[in-house]
Protein backbone atom coordinates (compact mmCIF):
# COMPACT_ATOMS: atom_id res chain seq x y z
CA MET A 1 -49.33 29.64 -94.83
CA LEU A 2 -52.06 27.53 -93.20
CA ASN A 3 -50.06 27.42 -89.99
CA LYS A 4 -49.83 31.24 -89.89
CA ILE A 5 -53.60 31.57 -90.42
CA SER A 6 -54.23 29.09 -87.62
CA LEU A 7 -51.87 30.94 -85.27
CA ILE A 8 -53.56 34.28 -85.98
CA LEU A 9 -57.00 32.78 -85.34
CA ASP A 10 -55.73 31.20 -82.12
CA LYS A 11 -54.36 34.57 -80.96
CA VAL A 12 -57.80 36.14 -81.33
CA ASN A 13 -59.33 33.56 -79.00
CA LYS A 14 -56.36 33.75 -76.60
CA PHE A 15 -56.86 37.50 -76.30
CA VAL A 16 -60.60 37.10 -75.72
CA GLY A 17 -59.91 34.31 -73.22
CA TYR A 18 -57.62 36.57 -71.21
CA LEU A 19 -60.25 39.29 -71.42
CA CYS A 20 -62.76 36.81 -69.99
CA GLY A 21 -60.35 36.20 -67.12
CA PHE A 22 -60.52 39.93 -66.38
CA PHE A 23 -64.32 39.77 -66.65
CA ALA A 24 -64.40 36.86 -64.18
CA PHE A 25 -62.26 38.77 -61.68
CA THR A 26 -64.43 41.87 -62.13
CA MET A 27 -67.56 39.77 -61.68
CA VAL A 28 -66.27 38.41 -58.35
CA MET A 29 -65.50 41.93 -57.16
CA VAL A 30 -68.94 43.20 -58.18
CA VAL A 31 -70.71 40.29 -56.47
CA PHE A 32 -68.64 40.89 -53.34
CA THR A 33 -69.58 44.58 -53.41
CA VAL A 34 -73.28 43.79 -53.95
CA VAL A 35 -73.28 41.38 -50.99
CA VAL A 36 -71.46 43.82 -48.68
CA LEU A 37 -73.75 46.70 -49.66
CA ARG A 38 -76.93 44.64 -49.37
CA TYR A 39 -76.27 42.77 -46.13
CA GLY A 40 -73.90 45.22 -44.49
CA PHE A 41 -75.59 48.51 -45.30
CA ASN A 42 -79.03 47.50 -46.64
CA ILE A 43 -78.27 49.23 -49.97
CA GLY A 44 -79.01 47.74 -53.37
CA PHE A 45 -78.49 48.87 -56.94
CA ILE A 46 -80.27 47.10 -59.79
CA TRP A 47 -77.60 48.17 -62.32
CA MET A 48 -74.89 46.61 -60.17
CA GLN A 49 -76.77 43.34 -59.86
CA GLU A 50 -77.37 43.28 -63.61
CA SER A 51 -73.71 44.04 -64.29
CA TYR A 52 -72.52 40.76 -62.78
CA VAL A 53 -75.16 38.87 -64.74
CA TRP A 54 -73.84 40.56 -67.88
CA LEU A 55 -70.25 39.74 -66.94
CA HIS A 56 -71.19 36.12 -66.33
CA SER A 57 -72.85 36.01 -69.75
CA PHE A 58 -69.78 37.48 -71.42
CA VAL A 59 -67.46 35.04 -69.67
CA PHE A 60 -69.59 32.10 -70.75
CA MET A 61 -70.35 33.21 -74.31
CA LEU A 62 -67.05 34.82 -75.26
CA GLY A 63 -64.92 32.31 -73.38
CA SER A 64 -66.21 29.38 -75.43
CA GLY A 65 -63.70 29.92 -78.24
CA TYR A 66 -60.82 30.03 -75.77
CA THR A 67 -62.15 26.93 -74.03
CA TYR A 68 -62.23 25.13 -77.36
CA LEU A 69 -58.72 26.39 -78.20
CA SER A 70 -57.44 25.07 -74.88
CA ASN A 71 -59.20 21.72 -75.48
CA GLU A 72 -61.05 22.13 -72.19
CA HIS A 73 -64.52 21.68 -73.65
CA VAL A 74 -66.79 18.78 -72.73
CA ARG A 75 -66.00 15.68 -74.73
CA ILE A 76 -67.18 12.12 -74.48
CA ASP A 77 -63.85 10.44 -75.00
CA VAL A 78 -64.53 6.74 -74.58
CA PHE A 79 -62.97 6.00 -77.98
CA TYR A 80 -61.01 9.22 -78.32
CA ARG A 81 -58.84 9.15 -75.20
CA ASP A 82 -56.50 6.28 -76.14
CA ALA A 83 -56.62 6.76 -79.92
CA SER A 84 -53.74 7.73 -82.18
CA GLN A 85 -53.13 11.37 -83.06
CA LYS A 86 -54.28 10.82 -86.66
CA TYR A 87 -57.55 9.25 -85.48
CA LYS A 88 -58.13 12.14 -83.07
CA ASN A 89 -57.53 14.64 -85.85
CA LEU A 90 -59.89 12.77 -88.17
CA VAL A 91 -62.61 12.81 -85.49
CA ASP A 92 -61.95 16.52 -84.85
CA LEU A 93 -62.10 17.32 -88.56
CA ILE A 94 -65.39 15.47 -89.08
CA GLY A 95 -66.84 16.88 -85.85
CA ASN A 96 -65.92 20.46 -86.75
CA ILE A 97 -67.27 20.27 -90.30
CA PHE A 98 -70.41 18.20 -89.77
CA LEU A 99 -71.40 19.01 -86.17
CA LEU A 100 -69.91 22.27 -84.88
CA LEU A 101 -70.21 24.47 -87.98
CA PRO A 102 -73.87 23.53 -88.67
CA PHE A 103 -74.66 24.06 -84.99
CA ILE A 104 -73.10 27.52 -85.10
CA PHE A 105 -74.96 28.30 -88.32
CA ILE A 106 -78.30 27.43 -86.69
CA ILE A 107 -77.54 29.57 -83.65
CA TRP A 108 -76.52 32.48 -85.90
CA LYS A 109 -79.58 32.10 -88.14
CA TYR A 110 -82.06 32.23 -85.28
CA SER A 111 -80.27 34.73 -83.05
CA TYR A 112 -79.35 37.33 -85.67
CA PRO A 113 -82.94 38.67 -86.03
CA PHE A 114 -83.30 38.63 -82.22
CA VAL A 115 -80.13 40.71 -81.78
CA SER A 116 -80.89 42.94 -84.76
CA ARG A 117 -84.33 43.79 -83.38
CA SER A 118 -82.76 44.63 -80.05
CA PHE A 119 -80.33 47.05 -81.75
CA GLN A 120 -83.13 48.65 -83.78
CA MET A 121 -85.25 49.18 -80.67
CA LYS A 122 -82.22 50.37 -78.68
CA GLU A 123 -83.47 47.94 -76.06
CA ILE A 124 -82.83 48.68 -72.40
CA SER A 125 -83.31 46.73 -69.19
CA ARG A 126 -86.89 46.10 -68.11
CA GLU A 127 -85.93 46.86 -64.53
CA VAL A 128 -86.12 50.42 -63.24
CA GLY A 129 -82.55 51.48 -62.61
CA GLY A 130 -81.21 48.64 -64.76
CA LEU A 131 -78.47 48.83 -67.35
CA PRO A 132 -79.13 50.52 -70.68
CA MET A 133 -78.03 49.07 -74.01
CA LEU A 134 -79.33 45.53 -73.50
CA TYR A 135 -78.49 44.92 -77.16
CA ILE A 136 -74.80 44.80 -76.23
CA LEU A 137 -75.53 41.84 -73.96
CA LYS A 138 -77.58 40.13 -76.65
CA SER A 139 -74.81 40.67 -79.21
CA ALA A 140 -72.68 38.28 -77.14
CA ILE A 141 -74.65 35.48 -78.83
CA LEU A 142 -73.32 36.55 -82.23
CA LEU A 143 -69.82 37.04 -80.84
CA PHE A 144 -70.07 33.51 -79.45
CA CYS A 145 -70.77 32.27 -82.99
CA ILE A 146 -67.92 34.28 -84.51
CA LEU A 147 -65.36 33.15 -81.94
CA LEU A 148 -66.38 29.51 -82.26
CA ILE A 149 -66.23 29.72 -86.07
CA ILE A 150 -62.75 31.22 -85.82
CA GLN A 151 -61.63 28.40 -83.55
CA ALA A 152 -63.32 25.73 -85.67
CA ILE A 153 -61.47 27.02 -88.76
CA SER A 154 -58.19 26.99 -86.84
CA ASN A 155 -58.84 23.45 -85.61
CA ILE A 156 -59.81 22.30 -89.12
CA ILE A 157 -56.51 23.71 -90.42
CA LYS A 158 -54.58 21.88 -87.68
CA SER A 159 -56.39 18.61 -88.38
CA VAL A 160 -55.80 18.90 -92.14
CA GLN A 161 -52.11 19.56 -91.52
CA VAL A 162 -51.73 16.47 -89.34
CA LEU A 163 -53.79 14.24 -91.63
CA PHE A 164 -52.42 15.30 -95.00
CA PHE A 165 -49.14 17.18 -94.62
CA LYS A 166 -47.25 15.71 -91.67
CA LYS A 167 -45.29 12.55 -92.09
CA SER A 168 -45.76 9.77 -89.55
């Protein structure tokens, strides 16, 4: 049962990770278009410039869960690298429960009012000709928290399985 829950949670972040790959490709195409229009034809659109900033934000914020799933996040592994699998899972379990989850809680606690206010105001870009619905961009902060919580739960399940249910 725990394994199925973990697999479902992993699939959510895999899907979002692949979506971020599409966002990254789109961002490259938009930047290319902006550069060609600006330097080739002396044409510029604020909304187009903002769109690649938004895409970059989405790739960074939403891709964090996938990065954690893929174990590609930054880690100081002086003691971790050569350790046994049980030790690694113990470190991961403690790190997820006592470091990652409180960190996500703090981000959520302080960003929720910020995002909520933006939705209530129906906030738009401050730039003339910029993108409307700035609150969608700001909601990426909360999605970041949700996706990292999902992955932390999945990783906690995996660590518990290795530590308590798998035989050596």
